[in-house]
């Protein structure tokens, strides 16, 4: 079985972490909770660089990821 996975890295400007994480959590919860093709959406933070945040996302296939990009919680 093949899957489509992404690793996305963000280097945030100081002072924007809380706002970013709030939006990211809404995206992650909406993705895993309501998108049939989304299998995993992890939000990771580098303990040595607190303004660096990474997403690890797994979808059934690329089509599921493209549908994810059209969802309200993504925008």
PDB file of N, CA and C in Angstrom:
ATOM      1  N   UNK A   1       0.839  -1.172   0.000  1.00  0.00           N
ATOM      2  CA  UNK A   1       0.000   0.000   0.000  1.00  0.00           C
ATOM      3  C   UNK A   1       0.889   1.242   0.000  1.00  0.00           C
ATOM      4  N   UNK A   2       0.641   2.145  -0.905  1.00  0.00           N
ATOM      5  CA  UNK A   2       1.381   3.392  -0.953  1.00  0.00           C
ATOM      6  C   UNK A   2       0.621   4.487  -0.219  1.00  0.00           C
ATOM      7  N   UNK A   3       1.365   5.417   0.309  1.00  0.00           N
ATOM      8  CA  UNK A   3       0.805   6.592   0.962  1.00  0.00           C
ATOM      9  C   UNK A   3       1.521   7.826   0.406  1.00  0.00           C
ATOM     10  N   UNK A   4       0.970   8.985   0.705  1.00  0.00           N
ATOM     11  CA  UNK A   4       1.572  10.256   0.317  1.00  0.00           C
ATOM     12  C   UNK A   4       1.897  10.988   1.609  1.00  0.00           C
ATOM     13  N   UNK A   5       3.172  11.296   1.836  1.00  0.00           N
ATOM     14  CA  UNK A   5       3.592  11.934   3.082  1.00  0.00           C
ATOM     15  C   UNK A   5       4.307  13.248   2.795  1.00  0.00           C
ATOM     16  N   UNK A   6       4.172  14.172   3.727  1.00  0.00           N
ATOM     17  CA  UNK A   6       4.845  15.468   3.629  1.00  0.00           C
ATOM     18  C   UNK A   6       5.571  15.774   4.924  1.00  0.00           C
ATOM     19  N   UNK A   7       6.670  16.480   4.777  1.00  0.00           N
ATOM     20  CA  UNK A   7       7.397  17.056   5.909  1.00  0.00           C
ATOM     21  C   UNK A   7       7.535  18.529   5.582  1.00  0.00           C
ATOM     22  N   UNK A   8       6.979  19.388   6.422  1.00  0.00           N
ATOM     23  CA  UNK A   8       6.988  20.828   6.175  1.00  0.00           C
ATOM     24  C   UNK A   8       7.646  21.510   7.372  1.00  0.00           C
ATOM     25  N   UNK A   9       8.579  22.405   7.104  1.00  0.00           N
ATOM     26  CA  UNK A   9       9.276  23.124   8.169  1.00  0.00           C
ATOM     27  C   UNK A   9       8.952  24.613   8.105  1.00  0.00           C
ATOM     28  N   UNK A  10       8.738  25.196   9.283  1.00  0.00           N
ATOM     29  CA  UNK A  10       8.457  26.621   9.404  1.00  0.00           C
ATOM     30  C   UNK A  10       9.440  27.235  10.384  1.00  0.00           C
ATOM     31  N   UNK A  11      10.070  28.321   9.994  1.00  0.00           N
ATOM     32  CA  UNK A  11      10.871  29.127  10.912  1.00  0.00           C
ATOM     33  C   UNK A  11      10.072  30.406  11.154  1.00  0.00           C
ATOM     34  N   UNK A  12       9.510  30.503  12.348  1.00  0.00           N
ATOM     35  CA  UNK A  12       8.601  31.593  12.672  1.00  0.00           C
ATOM     36  C   UNK A  12       9.344  32.814  13.192  1.00  0.00           C
ATOM     37  N   UNK A  13       8.744  33.951  12.943  1.00  0.00           N
ATOM     38  CA  UNK A  13       9.278  35.178  13.530  1.00  0.00           C
ATOM     39  C   UNK A  13       8.999  35.148  15.031  1.00  0.00           C
ATOM     40  N   UNK A  14       9.939  35.620  15.829  1.00  0.00           N
ATOM     41  CA  UNK A  14       9.727  35.645  17.283  1.00  0.00           C
ATOM     42  C   UNK A  14       8.403  36.341  17.635  1.00  0.00           C
ATOM     43  N   UNK A  15       7.715  35.759  18.598  1.00  0.00           N
ATOM     44  CA  UNK A  15       6.461  36.336  19.067  1.00  0.00           C
ATOM     45  C   UNK A  15       5.227  35.834  18.335  1.00  0.00           C
ATOM     46  N   UNK A  16       5.383  34.986  17.325  1.00  0.00           N
ATOM     47  CA  UNK A  16       4.247  34.498  16.544  1.00  0.00           C
ATOM     48  C   UNK A  16       3.908  33.028  16.801  1.00  0.00           C
ATOM     49  N   UNK A  17       4.633  32.393  17.702  1.00  0.00           N
ATOM     50  CA  UNK A  17       4.466  30.963  17.920  1.00  0.00           C
ATOM     51  C   UNK A  17       3.058  30.594  18.379  1.00  0.00           C
ATOM     52  N   UNK A  18       2.528  31.264  19.368  1.00  0.00           N
ATOM     53  CA  UNK A  18       1.215  30.898  19.914  1.00  0.00           C
ATOM     54  C   UNK A  18       0.113  31.006  18.863  1.00  0.00           C
ATOM     55  N   UNK A  19       0.118  32.068  18.096  1.00  0.00           N
ATOM     56  CA  UNK A  19      -0.891  32.242  17.044  1.00  0.00           C
ATOM     57  C   UNK A  19      -0.761  31.162  15.991  1.00  0.00           C
ATOM     58  N   UNK A  20       0.475  30.881  15.583  1.00  0.00           N
ATOM     59  CA  UNK A  20       0.711  29.858  14.574  1.00  0.00           C
ATOM     60  C   UNK A  20       0.249  28.489  15.066  1.00  0.00           C
ATOM     61  N   UNK A  21       0.633  28.137  16.289  1.00  0.00           N
ATOM     62  CA  UNK A  21       0.249  26.821  16.818  1.00  0.00           C
ATOM     63  C   UNK A  21      -1.264  26.686  16.949  1.00  0.00           C
ATOM     64  N   UNK A  22      -1.949  27.750  17.318  1.00  0.00           N
ATOM     65  CA  UNK A  22      -3.407  27.696  17.399  1.00  0.00           C
ATOM     66  C   UNK A  22      -4.028  27.373  16.050  1.00  0.00           C
ATOM     67  N   UNK A  23      -3.571  28.044  15.006  1.00  0.00           N
ATOM     68  CA  UNK A  23      -4.083  27.774  13.655  1.00  0.00           C
ATOM     69  C   UNK A  23      -3.679  26.386  13.188  1.00  0.00           C
ATOM     70  N   UNK A  24      -2.458  25.981  13.491  1.00  0.00           N
ATOM     71  CA  UNK A  24      -1.983  24.663  13.073  1.00  0.00           C
ATOM     72  C   UNK A  24      -2.790  23.552  13.730  1.00  0.00           C
ATOM     73  N   UNK A  25      -3.118  23.726  14.995  1.00  0.00           N
ATOM     74  CA  UNK A  25      -3.911  22.694  15.690  1.00  0.00           C
ATOM     75  C   UNK A  25      -5.313  22.570  15.086  1.00  0.00           C
ATOM     76  N   UNK A  26      -5.917  23.690  14.720  1.00  0.00           N
ATOM     77  CA  UNK A  26      -7.229  23.639  14.068  1.00  0.00           C
ATOM     78  C   UNK A  26      -7.133  22.891  12.739  1.00  0.00           C
ATOM     79  N   UNK A  27      -6.073  23.166  11.988  1.00  0.00           N
ATOM     80  CA  UNK A  27      -5.861  22.479  10.709  1.00  0.00           C
ATOM     81  C   UNK A  27      -5.667  20.986  10.939  1.00  0.00           C
ATOM     82  N   UNK A  28      -4.837  20.625  11.897  1.00  0.00           N
ATOM     83  CA  UNK A  28      -4.560  19.213  12.166  1.00  0.00           C
ATOM     84  C   UNK A  28      -5.818  18.479  12.640  1.00  0.00           C
ATOM     85  N   UNK A  29      -6.545  19.073  13.569  1.00  0.00           N
ATOM     86  CA  UNK A  29      -7.758  18.432  14.085  1.00  0.00           C
ATOM     87  C   UNK A  29      -8.803  18.287  12.991  1.00  0.00           C
ATOM     88  N   UNK A  30      -8.980  19.322  12.193  1.00  0.00           N
ATOM     89  CA  UNK A  30      -9.930  19.246  11.088  1.00  0.00           C
ATOM     90  C   UNK A  30      -9.524  18.220  10.056  1.00  0.00           C
ATOM     91  N   UNK A  31      -8.240  18.122   9.800  1.00  0.00           N
ATOM     92  CA  UNK A  31      -7.750  17.181   8.795  1.00  0.00           C
ATOM     93  C   UNK A  31      -7.985  15.744   9.222  1.00  0.00           C
ATOM     94  N   UNK A  32      -7.509  15.404  10.394  1.00  0.00           N
ATOM     95  CA  UNK A  32      -7.634  14.019  10.864  1.00  0.00           C
ATOM     96  C   UNK A  32      -9.091  13.684  11.188  1.00  0.00           C
ATOM     97  N   UNK A  33      -9.818  14.663  11.703  1.00  0.00           N
ATOM     98  CA  UNK A  33     -11.191  14.404  12.131  1.00  0.00           C
ATOM     99  C   UNK A  33     -12.226  14.358  11.028  1.00  0.00           C
ATOM    100  N   UNK A  34     -11.982  15.049   9.909  1.00  0.00           N
ATOM    101  CA  UNK A  34     -13.055  15.133   8.917  1.00  0.00           C
ATOM    102  C   UNK A  34     -12.638  14.833   7.480  1.00  0.00           C
ATOM    103  N   UNK A  35     -11.383  14.541   7.255  1.00  0.00           N
ATOM    104  CA  UNK A  35     -10.952  14.235   5.894  1.00  0.00           C
ATOM    105  C   UNK A  35     -10.709  12.731   5.760  1.00  0.00           C
ATOM    106  N   UNK A  36     -11.488  12.063   4.907  1.00  0.00           N
ATOM    107  CA  UNK A  36     -11.347  10.611   4.780  1.00  0.00           C
ATOM    108  C   UNK A  36      -9.944  10.139   4.415  1.00  0.00           C
ATOM    109  N   UNK A  37      -9.173  10.898   3.645  1.00  0.00           N
ATOM    110  CA  UNK A  37      -7.861  10.436   3.203  1.00  0.00           C
ATOM    111  C   UNK A  37      -6.694  10.856   4.070  1.00  0.00           C
ATOM    112  N   UNK A  38      -6.948  11.597   5.151  1.00  0.00           N
ATOM    113  CA  UNK A  38      -5.858  12.050   6.025  1.00  0.00           C
ATOM    114  C   UNK A  38      -5.662  11.032   7.143  1.00  0.00           C
ATOM    115  N   UNK A  39      -4.491  10.435   7.191  1.00  0.00           N
ATOM    116  CA  UNK A  39      -4.195   9.397   8.194  1.00  0.00           C
ATOM    117  C   UNK A  39      -3.442   9.920   9.410  1.00  0.00           C
ATOM    118  N   UNK A  40      -2.679  11.003   9.211  1.00  0.00           N
ATOM    119  CA  UNK A  40      -1.855  11.504  10.313  1.00  0.00           C
ATOM    120  C   UNK A  40      -1.512  12.964  10.052  1.00  0.00           C
ATOM    121  N   UNK A  41      -1.485  13.756  11.117  1.00  0.00           N
ATOM    122  CA  UNK A  41      -1.077  15.155  11.006  1.00  0.00           C
ATOM    123  C   UNK A  41      -0.441  15.528  12.339  1.00  0.00           C
ATOM    124  N   UNK A  42       0.877  15.461  12.394  1.00  0.00           N
ATOM    125  CA  UNK A  42       1.607  15.764  13.620  1.00  0.00           C
ATOM    126  C   UNK A  42       2.227  17.154  13.533  1.00  0.00           C
ATOM    127  N   UNK A  43       2.197  17.854  14.654  1.00  0.00           N
ATOM    128  CA  UNK A  43       2.844  19.158  14.772  1.00  0.00           C
ATOM    129  C   UNK A  43       4.002  18.971  15.749  1.00  0.00           C
ATOM    130  N   UNK A  44       5.201  19.249  15.274  1.00  0.00           N
ATOM    131  CA  UNK A  44       6.400  19.015  16.069  1.00  0.00           C
ATOM    132  C   UNK A  44       7.145  20.329  16.268  1.00  0.00           C
ATOM    133  N   UNK A  45       7.719  20.478  17.438  1.00  0.00           N
ATOM    134  CA  UNK A  45       8.475  21.687  17.742  1.00  0.00           C
ATOM    135  C   UNK A  45       9.873  21.291  18.195  1.00  0.00           C
ATOM    136  N   UNK A  46      10.873  21.951  17.649  1.00  0.00           N
ATOM    137  CA  UNK A  46      12.267  21.685  17.994  1.00  0.00           C
ATOM    138  C   UNK A  46      12.549  22.278  19.378  1.00  0.00           C
ATOM    139  N   UNK A  47      12.897  21.459  20.372  1.00  0.00           N
ATOM    140  CA  UNK A  47      13.119  21.993  21.721  1.00  0.00           C
ATOM    141  C   UNK A  47      14.310  22.947  21.796  1.00  0.00           C
ATOM    142  N   UNK A  48      15.237  22.824  20.883  1.00  0.00           N
ATOM    143  CA  UNK A  48      16.402  23.710  20.895  1.00  0.00           C
ATOM    144  C   UNK A  48      16.170  24.989  20.092  1.00  0.00           C
ATOM    145  N   UNK A  49      15.146  24.972  19.256  1.00  0.00           N
ATOM    146  CA  UNK A  49      14.799  26.148  18.440  1.00  0.00           C
ATOM    147  C   UNK A  49      13.288  26.318  18.493  1.00  0.00           C
ATOM    148  N   UNK A  50      12.750  26.939  19.533  1.00  0.00           N
ATOM    149  CA  UNK A  50      11.301  26.991  19.741  1.00  0.00           C
ATOM    150  C   UNK A  50      10.510  27.645  18.614  1.00  0.00           C
ATOM    151  N   UNK A  51      11.150  28.480  17.812  1.00  0.00           N
ATOM    152  CA  UNK A  51      10.427  29.113  16.705  1.00  0.00           C
ATOM    153  C   UNK A  51      10.466  28.271  15.428  1.00  0.00           C
ATOM    154  N   UNK A  52      10.956  27.039  15.519  1.00  0.00           N
ATOM    155  CA  UNK A  52      10.921  26.111  14.384  1.00  0.00           C
ATOM    156  C   UNK A  52       9.832  25.074  14.670  1.00  0.00           C
ATOM    157  N   UNK A  53       8.887  24.986  13.744  1.00  0.00           N
ATOM    158  CA  UNK A  53       7.777  24.048  13.858  1.00  0.00           C
ATOM    159  C   UNK A  53       7.745  23.218  12.577  1.00  0.00           C
ATOM    160  N   UNK A  54       7.483  21.931  12.734  1.00  0.00           N
ATOM    161  CA  UNK A  54       7.408  21.034  11.577  1.00  0.00           C
ATOM    162  C   UNK A  54       6.078  20.295  11.586  1.00  0.00           C
ATOM    163  N   UNK A  55       5.577  20.028  10.396  1.00  0.00           N
ATOM    164  CA  UNK A  55       4.384  19.189  10.228  1.00  0.00           C
ATOM    165  C   UNK A  55       4.818  17.892   9.568  1.00  0.00           C
ATOM    166  N   UNK A  56       4.258  16.792  10.043  1.00  0.00           N
ATOM    167  CA  UNK A  56       4.405  15.506   9.373  1.00  0.00           C
ATOM    168  C   UNK A  56       2.985  15.044   9.060  1.00  0.00           C
ATOM    169  N   UNK A  57       2.670  14.961   7.781  1.00  0.00           N
ATOM    170  CA  UNK A  57       1.314  14.628   7.346  1.00  0.00           C
ATOM    171  C   UNK A  57       1.352  13.379   6.463  1.00  0.00           C
ATOM    172  N   UNK A  58       0.354  12.508   6.650  1.00  0.00           N
ATOM    173  CA  UNK A  58       0.252  11.301   5.836  1.00  0.00           C
ATOM    174  C   UNK A  58      -1.173  11.201   5.292  1.00  0.00           C
ATOM    175  N   UNK A  59      -1.250  10.992   3.981  1.00  0.00           N
ATOM    176  CA  UNK A  59      -2.524  10.875   3.269  1.00  0.00           C
ATOM    177  C   UNK A  59      -2.552   9.569   2.499  1.00  0.00           C
ATOM    178  N   UNK A  60      -3.752   9.131   2.152  1.00  0.00           N
ATOM    179  CA  UNK A  60      -3.884   7.905   1.361  1.00  0.00           C
ATOM    180  C   UNK A  60      -3.142   8.012   0.037  1.00  0.00           C
ATOM    181  N   UNK A  61      -3.212   9.187  -0.569  1.00  0.00           N
ATOM    182  CA  UNK A  61      -2.578   9.407  -1.865  1.00  0.00           C
ATOM    183  C   UNK A  61      -2.493  10.913  -2.120  1.00  0.00           C
ATOM    184  N   UNK A  62      -1.887  11.286  -3.229  1.00  0.00           N
ATOM    185  CA  UNK A  62      -1.736  12.704  -3.532  1.00  0.00           C
ATOM    186  C   UNK A  62      -3.084  13.389  -3.732  1.00  0.00           C
ATOM    187  N   UNK A  63      -4.054  12.678  -4.272  1.00  0.00           N
ATOM    188  CA  UNK A  63      -5.390  13.255  -4.465  1.00  0.00           C
ATOM    189  C   UNK A  63      -6.006  13.653  -3.117  1.00  0.00           C
ATOM    190  N   UNK A  64      -5.806  12.853  -2.087  1.00  0.00           N
ATOM    191  CA  UNK A  64      -6.323  13.186  -0.757  1.00  0.00           C
ATOM    192  C   UNK A  64      -5.652  14.445  -0.221  1.00  0.00           C
ATOM    193  N   UNK A  65      -4.353  14.590  -0.471  1.00  0.00           N
ATOM    194  CA  UNK A  65      -3.657  15.811  -0.054  1.00  0.00           C
ATOM    195  C   UNK A  65      -4.196  17.023  -0.807  1.00  0.00           C
ATOM    196  N   UNK A  66      -4.434  16.888  -2.094  1.00  0.00           N
ATOM    197  CA  UNK A  66      -4.968  18.016  -2.872  1.00  0.00           C
ATOM    198  C   UNK A  66      -6.353  18.410  -2.385  1.00  0.00           C
ATOM    199  N   UNK A  67      -7.169  17.437  -1.971  1.00  0.00           N
ATOM    200  CA  UNK A  67      -8.478  17.750  -1.381  1.00  0.00           C
ATOM    201  C   UNK A  67      -8.292  18.497  -0.060  1.00  0.00           C
ATOM    202  N   UNK A  68      -7.282  18.097   0.714  1.00  0.00           N
ATOM    203  CA  UNK A  68      -6.975  18.749   1.987  1.00  0.00           C
ATOM    204  C   UNK A  68      -6.734  20.249   1.779  1.00  0.00           C
ATOM    205  N   UNK A  69      -6.061  20.597   0.712  1.00  0.00           N
ATOM    206  CA  UNK A  69      -5.733  21.998   0.449  1.00  0.00           C
ATOM    207  C   UNK A  69      -6.953  22.846   0.138  1.00  0.00           C
ATOM    208  N   UNK A  70      -8.081  22.200  -0.162  1.00  0.00           N
ATOM    209  CA  UNK A  70      -9.314  22.932  -0.478  1.00  0.00           C
ATOM    210  C   UNK A  70     -10.265  23.034   0.716  1.00  0.00           C
ATOM    211  N   UNK A  71      -9.898  22.434   1.825  1.00  0.00           N
ATOM    212  CA  UNK A  71     -10.782  22.421   2.991  1.00  0.00           C
ATOM    213  C   UNK A  71     -10.748  23.762   3.728  1.00  0.00           C
ATOM    214  N   UNK A  72     -11.881  24.158   4.345  1.00  0.00           N
ATOM    215  CA  UNK A  72     -11.949  25.437   5.062  1.00  0.00           C
ATOM    216  C   UNK A  72     -10.905  25.553   6.169  1.00  0.00           C
ATOM    217  N   UNK A  73     -10.642  24.470   6.922  1.00  0.00           N
ATOM    218  CA  UNK A  73      -9.680  24.559   8.018  1.00  0.00           C
ATOM    219  C   UNK A  73      -8.250  24.731   7.508  1.00  0.00           C
ATOM    220  N   UNK A  74      -7.975  24.406   6.257  1.00  0.00           N
ATOM    221  CA  UNK A  74      -6.652  24.643   5.667  1.00  0.00           C
ATOM    222  C   UNK A  74      -6.459  26.112   5.352  1.00  0.00           C
ATOM    223  N   UNK A  75      -7.496  26.716   4.825  1.00  0.00           N
ATOM    224  CA  UNK A  75      -7.406  28.124   4.381  1.00  0.00           C
ATOM    225  C   UNK A  75      -7.343  29.022   5.584  1.00  0.00           C
TER     226      UNK A  75
END
